[in-house]
Amino acid sequence: MSTDTPAASSTHENDAGRPQTGWRLSLYTVIFESDTRAGRLFDIWLIALILASVLVVMLDSLPGLPPVSQLLFDRLEWVFTLLFTVEYLARLACVRHPLRYALSFYGIIDLLALLPTWLALLVPEVHALVDVRVLRLLRVFRIFKLTAYLAEFQALGAALRASRRKVLVFISAVLMIVVVMGTLMYVVEGPANGFTSIPTAVYWAITTMTTVGFGDITPKTDLGRFIASFMMLLGWGTLAVPTGIVTAEMTARRIGSQPVSRTCPECLKEGHAPEAHYCLLCGTALPQLVRDGEGVK
C-alpha cells in the first residue's frame, strides 16, 4: 500500500487554527503535517494502529472464542483506546480552537474511535439498554480515520463533493424512471403475479435496473417480460454514468492540481514547491519530502 499522505495544511485542520510558536507548534507539526520525517512516521504508525484495532474488533466478534483469546482482545482494545485517547487529547491541545476541531468531521470520527470503550466501562449493563455491546460495535468507525491520512481518500472525497450536483441530478432521473416503470408494471402484471402494490413494483424496478435481480418477484406476461428486458438493458448502460462523472472530475482536478504547500520551520513561510531545498523568504534549509521508496534527501 502506498504511504503517500496528504499535505499538512488541509482545510479541516487549518480551520482549527495553527499555533504560532512553542511546544504546541512542534506538536502540531508532527500530528497535522506530513511533509516532514516526523509527520510522515506519525501518520504511518497511526494507520497501522487503526488497521490493527479494526482487526481486533472483527476478531472479537467471532463466536466461541476461548477465554484466553477474549482476555487478549480486551487488553488490546484498552491499549488501542488509551493510545487513541492520548492522540485525541494531543490534537485538541495543539490547535488554537479545540472546540472547532472537536466539532469537525475528523474530530467527531476521532471521538467515535474511543468513546464506545469508555462508555462500555462507565455505563452499567441495565435492562434499559438493548445491549452495551452495541456501543462497542461503534469502534469500527476507526476505519474512517484513515481518510485523514491517505491522499487517495481525500482526492476521491473532493471529486465527489465537486460532482455532487451532477450525481444528484442523475439519481433524480433514475428515481423518476423506476417510479414510472414500476407503476407501469403494476398495471401490466397486477397483484396476481406478485406486483401487489406500486411500492412493491418500484422495488422490483430498482432491483432490475441495478442488475441485482433477487428473483422474488418476476413478470409472467409477455409484455411484462419485454418491459423487464428493457429495464435490464437500461440499467446496464446507466450504471456507468456516475462512475464517468466522478472519474472526469478526478481527472480534471489531477490536471489542475497545485504543488504541495510546504512550511518553513523557521519563519513559517508556506507555499514552497516540493523540489525546493531552502526557504524562499529566510533561506533556511527545508525538511525534504519523503517519497515512496526513498529516504529523506
C-alpha atoms as a PDB file:
ATOM      1  CA  MET A   1       0.000   0.000   0.000  1.00  0.00           C
ATOM      2  CA  SER A   2       1.305   3.432  -0.837  1.00  0.00           C
ATOM      3  CA  THR A   3       2.294   5.534   2.136  1.00  0.00           C
ATOM      4  CA  ASP A   4       1.508   8.828   0.443  1.00  0.00           C
ATOM      5  CA  THR A   5      -0.199  11.176   2.846  1.00  0.00           C
ATOM      6  CA  PRO A   6      -1.966  14.451   2.133  1.00  0.00           C
ATOM      7  CA  ALA A   7      -0.397  17.832   2.596  1.00  0.00           C
ATOM      8  CA  ALA A   8      -0.073  19.054   6.120  1.00  0.00           C
ATOM      9  CA  SER A   9      -2.364  22.016   5.994  1.00  0.00           C
ATOM     10  CA  SER A  10      -5.632  20.563   4.775  1.00  0.00           C
ATOM     11  CA  THR A  11      -8.765  22.625   5.115  1.00  0.00           C
ATOM     12  CA  HIS A  12     -10.347  20.910   8.115  1.00  0.00           C
ATOM     13  CA  GLU A  13      -7.104  21.219  10.086  1.00  0.00           C
ATOM     14  CA  ASN A  14      -6.443  24.870   9.229  1.00  0.00           C
ATOM     15  CA  ASP A  15      -9.955  25.708  10.404  1.00  0.00           C
ATOM     16  CA  ALA A  16      -8.946  24.661  13.924  1.00  0.00           C
ATOM     17  CA  GLY A  17      -6.053  27.139  13.898  1.00  0.00           C
ATOM     18  CA  ARG A  18      -2.316  26.583  13.547  1.00  0.00           C
ATOM     19  CA  PRO A  19      -0.321  27.746  16.607  1.00  0.00           C
ATOM     20  CA  GLN A  20       2.496  30.218  16.015  1.00  0.00           C
ATOM     21  CA  THR A  21       5.220  29.235  18.471  1.00  0.00           C
ATOM     22  CA  GLY A  22       6.224  26.919  21.313  1.00  0.00           C
ATOM     23  CA  TRP A  23       5.594  23.269  22.023  1.00  0.00           C
ATOM     24  CA  ARG A  24       2.119  23.473  20.504  1.00  0.00           C
ATOM     25  CA  LEU A  25       3.622  24.341  17.121  1.00  0.00           C
ATOM     26  CA  SER A  26       6.078  21.444  17.382  1.00  0.00           C
ATOM     27  CA  LEU A  27       3.282  19.038  18.318  1.00  0.00           C
ATOM     28  CA  TYR A  28       1.051  20.423  15.569  1.00  0.00           C
ATOM     29  CA  THR A  29       3.824  19.889  13.011  1.00  0.00           C
ATOM     30  CA  VAL A  30       4.160  16.226  13.956  1.00  0.00           C
ATOM     31  CA  ILE A  31       0.428  15.462  14.182  1.00  0.00           C
ATOM     32  CA  PHE A  32      -1.054  17.509  11.356  1.00  0.00           C
ATOM     33  CA  GLU A  33       1.813  17.970   8.903  1.00  0.00           C
ATOM     34  CA  SER A  34       3.142  15.126   6.792  1.00  0.00           C
ATOM     35  CA  ASP A  35       5.866  16.848   4.759  1.00  0.00           C
ATOM     36  CA  THR A  36       8.497  16.123   7.421  1.00  0.00           C
ATOM     37  CA  ARG A  37      10.006  12.821   8.504  1.00  0.00           C
ATOM     38  CA  ALA A  38       8.384  13.000  11.958  1.00  0.00           C
ATOM     39  CA  GLY A  39       4.967  13.799  10.489  1.00  0.00           C
ATOM     40  CA  ARG A  40       5.245  11.004   7.936  1.00  0.00           C
ATOM     41  CA  LEU A  41       6.262   8.441  10.589  1.00  0.00           C
ATOM     42  CA  PHE A  42       3.412   9.570  12.848  1.00  0.00           C
ATOM     43  CA  ASP A  43       0.884   9.068  10.041  1.00  0.00           C
ATOM     44  CA  ILE A  44       2.266   5.643   9.116  1.00  0.00           C
ATOM     45  CA  TRP A  45       2.171   4.386  12.720  1.00  0.00           C
ATOM     46  CA  LEU A  46      -1.323   5.775  13.195  1.00  0.00           C
ATOM     47  CA  ILE A  47      -2.553   3.998  10.053  1.00  0.00           C
ATOM     48  CA  ALA A  48      -1.063   0.748  11.376  1.00  0.00           C
ATOM     49  CA  LEU A  49      -2.783   1.221  14.751  1.00  0.00           C
ATOM     50  CA  ILE A  50      -6.123   1.940  13.082  1.00  0.00           C
ATOM     51  CA  LEU A  51      -5.954  -1.184  10.938  1.00  0.00           C
ATOM     52  CA  ALA A  52      -4.842  -3.319  13.890  1.00  0.00           C
ATOM     53  CA  SER A  53      -7.632  -2.002  16.116  1.00  0.00           C
ATOM     54  CA  VAL A  54     -10.290  -2.692  13.473  1.00  0.00           C
ATOM     55  CA  LEU A  55      -8.891  -6.204  13.041  1.00  0.00           C
ATOM     56  CA  VAL A  56      -9.218  -6.753  16.804  1.00  0.00           C
ATOM     57  CA  VAL A  57     -12.847  -5.570  16.683  1.00  0.00           C
ATOM     58  CA  MET A  58     -13.603  -8.039  13.895  1.00  0.00           C
ATOM     59  CA  LEU A  59     -11.872 -10.970  15.618  1.00  0.00           C
ATOM     60  CA  ASP A  60     -13.570 -10.113  18.904  1.00  0.00           C
ATOM     61  CA  SER A  61     -16.959 -10.696  17.268  1.00  0.00           C
ATOM     62  CA  LEU A  62     -16.168 -14.340  16.414  1.00  0.00           C
ATOM     63  CA  PRO A  63     -18.338 -16.804  18.347  1.00  0.00           C
ATOM     64  CA  GLY A  64     -16.876 -19.419  20.655  1.00  0.00           C
ATOM     65  CA  LEU A  65     -13.610 -17.658  21.429  1.00  0.00           C
ATOM     66  CA  PRO A  66     -11.596 -19.261  24.242  1.00  0.00           C
ATOM     67  CA  PRO A  67     -11.256 -17.199  27.441  1.00  0.00           C
ATOM     68  CA  VAL A  68      -7.553 -16.569  26.782  1.00  0.00           C
ATOM     69  CA  SER A  69      -8.272 -15.019  23.376  1.00  0.00           C
ATOM     70  CA  GLN A  70     -11.135 -12.988  24.803  1.00  0.00           C
ATOM     71  CA  LEU A  71      -8.861 -11.630  27.531  1.00  0.00           C
ATOM     72  CA  LEU A  72      -6.163 -10.808  24.976  1.00  0.00           C
ATOM     73  CA  PHE A  73      -8.592  -8.927  22.738  1.00  0.00           C
ATOM     74  CA  ASP A  74      -9.971  -6.991  25.711  1.00  0.00           C
ATOM     75  CA  ARG A  75      -6.483  -5.912  26.755  1.00  0.00           C
ATOM     76  CA  LEU A  76      -5.538  -4.972  23.208  1.00  0.00           C
ATOM     77  CA  GLU A  77      -8.719  -2.952  22.933  1.00  0.00           C
ATOM     78  CA  TRP A  78      -7.794  -0.964  26.019  1.00  0.00           C
ATOM     79  CA  VAL A  79      -4.286  -0.400  24.665  1.00  0.00           C
ATOM     80  CA  PHE A  80      -5.728   0.970  21.421  1.00  0.00           C
ATOM     81  CA  THR A  81      -8.290   3.052  23.295  1.00  0.00           C
ATOM     82  CA  LEU A  82      -5.644   4.620  25.530  1.00  0.00           C
ATOM     83  CA  LEU A  83      -3.408   5.405  22.540  1.00  0.00           C
ATOM     84  CA  PHE A  84      -6.282   6.960  20.583  1.00  0.00           C
ATOM     85  CA  THR A  85      -7.324   8.921  23.670  1.00  0.00           C
ATOM     86  CA  VAL A  86      -3.826  10.379  24.034  1.00  0.00           C
ATOM     87  CA  GLU A  87      -3.795  11.196  20.327  1.00  0.00           C
ATOM     88  CA  TYR A  88      -7.207  12.897  20.532  1.00  0.00           C
ATOM     89  CA  LEU A  89      -6.193  14.987  23.562  1.00  0.00           C
ATOM     90  CA  ALA A  90      -2.927  15.923  21.830  1.00  0.00           C
ATOM     91  CA  ARG A  91      -4.852  17.150  18.795  1.00  0.00           C
ATOM     92  CA  LEU A  92      -7.080  19.288  20.985  1.00  0.00           C
ATOM     93  CA  ALA A  93      -4.080  20.643  22.878  1.00  0.00           C
ATOM     94  CA  CYS A  94      -2.036  21.740  19.870  1.00  0.00           C
ATOM     95  CA  VAL A  95      -4.712  23.627  17.899  1.00  0.00           C
ATOM     96  CA  ARG A  96      -5.775  27.177  18.678  1.00  0.00           C
ATOM     97  CA  HIS A  97      -9.503  26.355  18.515  1.00  0.00           C
ATOM     98  CA  PRO A  98     -10.047  22.937  20.155  1.00  0.00           C
ATOM     99  CA  LEU A  99     -13.844  23.110  20.021  1.00  0.00           C
ATOM    100  CA  ARG A 100     -13.775  23.850  16.306  1.00  0.00           C
ATOM    101  CA  TYR A 101     -11.666  20.764  15.675  1.00  0.00           C
ATOM    102  CA  ALA A 102     -13.786  18.624  18.038  1.00  0.00           C
ATOM    103  CA  LEU A 103     -16.923  19.528  16.051  1.00  0.00           C
ATOM    104  CA  SER A 104     -15.290  18.939  12.656  1.00  0.00           C
ATOM    105  CA  PHE A 105     -15.814  15.729  10.686  1.00  0.00           C
ATOM    106  CA  TYR A 106     -12.461  14.244  11.630  1.00  0.00           C
ATOM    107  CA  GLY A 107     -12.821  15.418  15.221  1.00  0.00           C
ATOM    108  CA  ILE A 108     -16.097  13.530  15.548  1.00  0.00           C
ATOM    109  CA  ILE A 109     -14.539  10.444  13.949  1.00  0.00           C
ATOM    110  CA  ASP A 110     -11.647  10.641  16.419  1.00  0.00           C
ATOM    111  CA  LEU A 111     -14.138  10.810  19.288  1.00  0.00           C
ATOM    112  CA  LEU A 112     -16.171   7.883  17.982  1.00  0.00           C
ATOM    113  CA  ALA A 113     -12.979   5.847  17.784  1.00  0.00           C
ATOM    114  CA  LEU A 114     -12.501   5.920  21.548  1.00  0.00           C
ATOM    115  CA  LEU A 115     -15.846   6.854  23.132  1.00  0.00           C
ATOM    116  CA  PRO A 116     -17.603   3.433  22.916  1.00  0.00           C
ATOM    117  CA  THR A 117     -14.974   1.653  25.012  1.00  0.00           C
ATOM    118  CA  TRP A 118     -15.146   4.306  27.744  1.00  0.00           C
ATOM    119  CA  LEU A 119     -18.956   4.215  27.687  1.00  0.00           C
ATOM    120  CA  ALA A 120     -18.941   0.428  27.919  1.00  0.00           C
ATOM    121  CA  LEU A 121     -16.886   0.819  31.099  1.00  0.00           C
ATOM    122  CA  LEU A 122     -18.886   3.643  32.651  1.00  0.00           C
ATOM    123  CA  VAL A 123     -22.468   2.754  31.664  1.00  0.00           C
ATOM    124  CA  PRO A 124     -23.799  -0.200  33.678  1.00  0.00           C
ATOM    125  CA  GLU A 125     -25.463  -3.030  31.811  1.00  0.00           C
ATOM    126  CA  VAL A 126     -29.040  -2.315  32.789  1.00  0.00           C
ATOM    127  CA  HIS A 127     -32.141  -3.624  31.098  1.00  0.00           C
ATOM    128  CA  ALA A 128     -32.943  -0.173  29.757  1.00  0.00           C
ATOM    129  CA  LEU A 129     -30.087  -0.622  27.280  1.00  0.00           C
ATOM    130  CA  VAL A 130     -30.572  -3.014  24.414  1.00  0.00           C
ATOM    131  CA  ASP A 131     -27.034  -4.278  24.915  1.00  0.00           C
ATOM    132  CA  VAL A 132     -23.920  -2.383  25.889  1.00  0.00           C
ATOM    133  CA  ARG A 133     -22.048  -4.335  23.217  1.00  0.00           C
ATOM    134  CA  VAL A 134     -23.821  -2.204  20.625  1.00  0.00           C
ATOM    135  CA  LEU A 135     -21.642   0.673  21.805  1.00  0.00           C
ATOM    136  CA  ARG A 136     -18.531  -1.397  21.247  1.00  0.00           C
ATOM    137  CA  LEU A 137     -19.527  -2.002  17.630  1.00  0.00           C
ATOM    138  CA  LEU A 138     -19.070   1.719  17.021  1.00  0.00           C
ATOM    139  CA  ARG A 139     -15.328   1.110  17.260  1.00  0.00           C
ATOM    140  CA  VAL A 140     -15.364   0.215  13.569  1.00  0.00           C
ATOM    141  CA  PHE A 141     -15.654   3.974  12.961  1.00  0.00           C
ATOM    142  CA  ARG A 142     -11.891   3.988  13.433  1.00  0.00           C
ATOM    143  CA  ILE A 143     -11.597   2.855   9.848  1.00  0.00           C
ATOM    144  CA  PHE A 144     -12.822   6.310   8.783  1.00  0.00           C
ATOM    145  CA  LYS A 145      -9.774   7.836  10.446  1.00  0.00           C
ATOM    146  CA  LEU A 146      -7.797   6.517   7.502  1.00  0.00           C
ATOM    147  CA  THR A 147      -9.413   9.169   5.294  1.00  0.00           C
ATOM    148  CA  ALA A 148      -7.367  11.818   7.082  1.00  0.00           C
ATOM    149  CA  TYR A 149      -4.028  10.192   6.223  1.00  0.00           C
ATOM    150  CA  LEU A 150      -4.382   8.782   2.716  1.00  0.00           C
ATOM    151  CA  ALA A 151      -4.306  11.278  -0.148  1.00  0.00           C
ATOM    152  CA  GLU A 152      -6.384   8.943  -2.319  1.00  0.00           C
ATOM    153  CA  PHE A 153      -9.324   9.181   0.103  1.00  0.00           C
ATOM    154  CA  GLN A 154      -9.173  12.954   0.084  1.00  0.00           C
ATOM    155  CA  ALA A 155      -8.917  13.098  -3.710  1.00  0.00           C
ATOM    156  CA  LEU A 156     -11.988  10.875  -4.054  1.00  0.00           C
ATOM    157  CA  GLY A 157     -13.887  12.909  -1.443  1.00  0.00           C
ATOM    158  CA  ALA A 158     -13.048  16.166  -3.215  1.00  0.00           C
ATOM    159  CA  ALA A 159     -14.196  14.732  -6.549  1.00  0.00           C
ATOM    160  CA  LEU A 160     -17.470  13.512  -5.020  1.00  0.00           C
ATOM    161  CA  ARG A 161     -18.127  16.912  -3.451  1.00  0.00           C
ATOM    162  CA  ALA A 162     -17.377  18.712  -6.705  1.00  0.00           C
ATOM    163  CA  SER A 163     -19.661  16.437  -8.745  1.00  0.00           C
ATOM    164  CA  ARG A 164     -22.454  16.069  -6.179  1.00  0.00           C
ATOM    165  CA  ARG A 165     -24.957  18.189  -8.144  1.00  0.00           C
ATOM    166  CA  LYS A 166     -24.464  16.127 -11.303  1.00  0.00           C
ATOM    167  CA  VAL A 167     -24.767  12.899  -9.332  1.00  0.00           C
ATOM    168  CA  LEU A 168     -27.926  14.162  -7.588  1.00  0.00           C
ATOM    169  CA  VAL A 169     -29.472  15.055 -10.951  1.00  0.00           C
ATOM    170  CA  PHE A 170     -28.599  11.579 -12.226  1.00  0.00           C
ATOM    171  CA  ILE A 171     -30.123   9.903  -9.144  1.00  0.00           C
ATOM    172  CA  SER A 172     -33.260  12.029  -9.533  1.00  0.00           C
ATOM    173  CA  ALA A 173     -33.611  10.893 -13.154  1.00  0.00           C
ATOM    174  CA  VAL A 174     -33.157   7.242 -12.125  1.00  0.00           C
ATOM    175  CA  LEU A 175     -35.802   7.616  -9.404  1.00  0.00           C
ATOM    176  CA  MET A 176     -38.274   9.041 -11.907  1.00  0.00           C
ATOM    177  CA  ILE A 177     -37.615   6.140 -14.274  1.00  0.00           C
ATOM    178  CA  VAL A 178     -38.110   3.436 -11.622  1.00  0.00           C
ATOM    179  CA  VAL A 179     -41.304   5.087 -10.340  1.00  0.00           C
ATOM    180  CA  VAL A 180     -42.774   5.282 -13.850  1.00  0.00           C
ATOM    181  CA  MET A 181     -41.678   1.782 -14.849  1.00  0.00           C
ATOM    182  CA  GLY A 182     -42.748   0.302 -11.524  1.00  0.00           C
ATOM    183  CA  THR A 183     -46.191   1.829 -11.868  1.00  0.00           C
ATOM    184  CA  LEU A 184     -46.428   0.511 -15.412  1.00  0.00           C
ATOM    185  CA  MET A 185     -45.505  -2.992 -14.262  1.00  0.00           C
ATOM    186  CA  TYR A 186     -48.121  -2.799 -11.521  1.00  0.00           C
ATOM    187  CA  VAL A 187     -50.729  -2.076 -14.186  1.00  0.00           C
ATOM    188  CA  VAL A 188     -49.443  -4.745 -16.580  1.00  0.00           C
ATOM    189  CA  GLU A 189     -48.785  -7.609 -14.119  1.00  0.00           C
ATOM    190  CA  GLY A 190     -51.054  -6.805 -11.194  1.00  0.00           C
ATOM    191  CA  PRO A 191     -51.343  -8.458  -7.751  1.00  0.00           C
ATOM    192  CA  ALA A 192     -51.956 -11.880  -9.310  1.00  0.00           C
ATOM    193  CA  ASN A 193     -48.299 -12.020 -10.453  1.00  0.00           C
ATOM    194  CA  GLY A 194     -46.740 -10.668  -7.254  1.00  0.00           C
ATOM    195  CA  PHE A 195     -46.931  -6.941  -8.000  1.00  0.00           C
ATOM    196  CA  THR A 196     -49.277  -6.297  -5.075  1.00  0.00           C
ATOM    197  CA  SER A 197     -48.727  -2.536  -4.870  1.00  0.00           C
ATOM    198  CA  ILE A 198     -46.929   0.319  -6.590  1.00  0.00           C
ATOM    199  CA  PRO A 199     -44.159   0.445  -3.917  1.00  0.00           C
ATOM    200  CA  THR A 200     -43.590  -3.290  -4.451  1.00  0.00           C
ATOM    201  CA  ALA A 201     -43.412  -2.741  -8.196  1.00  0.00           C
ATOM    202  CA  VAL A 202     -40.973   0.157  -7.695  1.00  0.00           C
ATOM    203  CA  TYR A 203     -38.833  -2.141  -5.537  1.00  0.00           C
ATOM    204  CA  TRP A 204     -38.814  -4.626  -8.428  1.00  0.00           C
ATOM    205  CA  ALA A 205     -37.845  -1.841 -10.844  1.00  0.00           C
ATOM    206  CA  ILE A 206     -34.909  -0.805  -8.617  1.00  0.00           C
ATOM    207  CA  THR A 207     -33.552  -4.338  -8.291  1.00  0.00           C
ATOM    208  CA  THR A 208     -33.952  -4.884 -12.017  1.00  0.00           C
ATOM    209  CA  MET A 209     -32.380  -1.593 -13.098  1.00  0.00           C
ATOM    210  CA  THR A 210     -29.402  -2.109 -10.801  1.00  0.00           C
ATOM    211  CA  THR A 211     -28.996  -5.620 -12.305  1.00  0.00           C
ATOM    212  CA  VAL A 212     -29.319  -7.199  -8.838  1.00  0.00           C
ATOM    213  CA  GLY A 213     -32.382  -9.258  -9.690  1.00  0.00           C
ATOM    214  CA  PHE A 214     -33.269 -11.110  -6.484  1.00  0.00           C
ATOM    215  CA  GLY A 215     -35.921 -13.102  -8.319  1.00  0.00           C
ATOM    216  CA  ASP A 216     -38.514 -12.837  -5.546  1.00  0.00           C
ATOM    217  CA  ILE A 217     -40.827 -11.029  -7.988  1.00  0.00           C
ATOM    218  CA  THR A 218     -40.811 -11.893 -11.691  1.00  0.00           C
ATOM    219  CA  PRO A 219     -43.058 -10.854 -14.575  1.00  0.00           C
ATOM    220  CA  LYS A 220     -45.283 -13.551 -16.026  1.00  0.00           C
ATOM    221  CA  THR A 221     -46.814 -11.869 -19.069  1.00  0.00           C
ATOM    222  CA  ASP A 222     -45.081 -11.285 -22.397  1.00  0.00           C
ATOM    223  CA  LEU A 223     -45.483  -7.519 -22.099  1.00  0.00           C
ATOM    224  CA  GLY A 224     -44.089  -7.605 -18.574  1.00  0.00           C
ATOM    225  CA  ARG A 225     -41.042  -9.572 -19.717  1.00  0.00           C
ATOM    226  CA  PHE A 226     -40.476  -7.091 -22.541  1.00  0.00           C
ATOM    227  CA  ILE A 227     -40.552  -4.220 -20.042  1.00  0.00           C
ATOM    228  CA  ALA A 228     -38.199  -6.139 -17.737  1.00  0.00           C
ATOM    229  CA  SER A 229     -35.761  -6.723 -20.614  1.00  0.00           C
ATOM    230  CA  PHE A 230     -35.829  -3.019 -21.428  1.00  0.00           C
ATOM    231  CA  MET A 231     -35.169  -2.189 -17.769  1.00  0.00           C
ATOM    232  CA  MET A 232     -32.179  -4.556 -17.674  1.00  0.00           C
ATOM    233  CA  LEU A 233     -30.583  -3.025 -20.749  1.00  0.00           C
ATOM    234  CA  LEU A 234     -31.305   0.484 -19.472  1.00  0.00           C
ATOM    235  CA  GLY A 235     -29.767  -0.305 -16.110  1.00  0.00           C
ATOM    236  CA  TRP A 236     -26.700  -1.898 -17.695  1.00  0.00           C
ATOM    237  CA  GLY A 237     -25.940   1.325 -19.559  1.00  0.00           C
ATOM    238  CA  THR A 238     -26.986   3.643 -16.748  1.00  0.00           C
ATOM    239  CA  LEU A 239     -24.705   2.277 -14.039  1.00  0.00           C
ATOM    240  CA  ALA A 240     -21.624   3.682 -15.771  1.00  0.00           C
ATOM    241  CA  VAL A 241     -22.898   7.277 -15.679  1.00  0.00           C
ATOM    242  CA  PRO A 242     -22.000   8.210 -12.061  1.00  0.00           C
ATOM    243  CA  THR A 243     -18.628   6.476 -12.445  1.00  0.00           C
ATOM    244  CA  GLY A 244     -17.908   8.589 -15.504  1.00  0.00           C
ATOM    245  CA  ILE A 245     -18.964  11.779 -13.710  1.00  0.00           C
ATOM    246  CA  VAL A 246     -16.676  11.186 -10.732  1.00  0.00           C
ATOM    247  CA  THR A 247     -13.793   9.944 -12.895  1.00  0.00           C
ATOM    248  CA  ALA A 248     -13.969  13.047 -15.107  1.00  0.00           C
ATOM    249  CA  GLU A 249     -13.915  15.271 -12.034  1.00  0.00           C
ATOM    250  CA  MET A 250     -10.926  13.410 -10.573  1.00  0.00           C
ATOM    251  CA  THR A 251      -9.064  13.731 -13.867  1.00  0.00           C
ATOM    252  CA  ALA A 252      -9.796  17.457 -14.083  1.00  0.00           C
ATOM    253  CA  ARG A 253      -8.627  18.006 -10.516  1.00  0.00           C
ATOM    254  CA  ARG A 254      -5.471  15.992 -11.107  1.00  0.00           C
ATOM    255  CA  ILE A 255      -4.567  18.012 -14.193  1.00  0.00           C
ATOM    256  CA  GLY A 256      -5.188  21.283 -12.394  1.00  0.00           C
ATOM    257  CA  SER A 257      -3.640  20.286  -9.070  1.00  0.00           C
ATOM    258  CA  GLN A 258      -1.048  22.539  -7.489  1.00  0.00           C
ATOM    259  CA  PRO A 259       2.249  21.530  -5.849  1.00  0.00           C
ATOM    260  CA  VAL A 260       2.209  20.526  -2.181  1.00  0.00           C
ATOM    261  CA  SER A 261       2.331  23.540   0.142  1.00  0.00           C
ATOM    262  CA  ARG A 262       5.318  23.185   2.469  1.00  0.00           C
ATOM    263  CA  THR A 263       6.125  25.241   5.533  1.00  0.00           C
ATOM    264  CA  CYS A 264       9.466  26.665   6.628  1.00  0.00           C
ATOM    265  CA  PRO A 265      10.246  25.510  10.202  1.00  0.00           C
ATOM    266  CA  GLU A 266      11.974  28.818  10.960  1.00  0.00           C
ATOM    267  CA  CYS A 267       9.756  31.637   9.630  1.00  0.00           C
ATOM    268  CA  LEU A 268       6.621  29.551   8.875  1.00  0.00           C
ATOM    269  CA  LYS A 269       6.529  30.761   5.273  1.00  0.00           C
ATOM    270  CA  GLU A 270       4.217  28.474   3.252  1.00  0.00           C
ATOM    271  CA  GLY A 271       3.912  27.656  -0.442  1.00  0.00           C
ATOM    272  CA  HIS A 272       7.299  26.115  -1.220  1.00  0.00           C
ATOM    273  CA  ALA A 273       7.471  23.729  -4.163  1.00  0.00           C
ATOM    274  CA  PRO A 274       8.118  20.021  -3.473  1.00  0.00           C
ATOM    275  CA  GLU A 275      11.584  20.225  -5.033  1.00  0.00           C
ATOM    276  CA  ALA A 276      12.664  23.322  -3.011  1.00  0.00           C
ATOM    277  CA  HIS A 277      15.683  22.918  -0.693  1.00  0.00           C
ATOM    278  CA  TYR A 278      15.676  26.340   1.001  1.00  0.00           C
ATOM    279  CA  CYS A 279      13.047  28.780   2.227  1.00  0.00           C
ATOM    280  CA  LEU A 280      12.364  31.495  -0.331  1.00  0.00           C
ATOM    281  CA  LEU A 281      11.976  34.097   2.442  1.00  0.00           C
ATOM    282  CA  CYS A 282      14.689  33.432   5.048  1.00  0.00           C
ATOM    283  CA  GLY A 283      16.926  30.870   3.320  1.00  0.00           C
ATOM    284  CA  THR A 284      16.558  28.168   5.986  1.00  0.00           C
ATOM    285  CA  ALA A 285      17.085  24.612   4.778  1.00  0.00           C
ATOM    286  CA  LEU A 286      13.727  22.890   4.329  1.00  0.00           C
ATOM    287  CA  PRO A 287      12.992  19.325   5.514  1.00  0.00           C
ATOM    288  CA  GLN A 288      12.801  17.289   2.337  1.00  0.00           C
ATOM    289  CA  LEU A 289       9.731  15.337   1.356  1.00  0.00           C
ATOM    290  CA  VAL A 290       9.810  11.570   1.854  1.00  0.00           C
ATOM    291  CA  ARG A 291       8.702   9.868  -1.335  1.00  0.00           C
ATOM    292  CA  ASP A 292       7.747   6.242  -1.978  1.00  0.00           C
ATOM    293  CA  GLY A 293      10.816   4.037  -1.885  1.00  0.00           C
ATOM    294  CA  GLU A 294      13.099   6.926  -0.984  1.00  0.00           C
ATOM    295  CA  GLY A 295      14.539   8.353   2.166  1.00  0.00           C
ATOM    296  CA  VAL A 296      14.962  11.938   3.234  1.00  0.00           C
ATOM    297  CA  LYS A 297      17.269  13.851   0.937  1.00  0.00           C
END
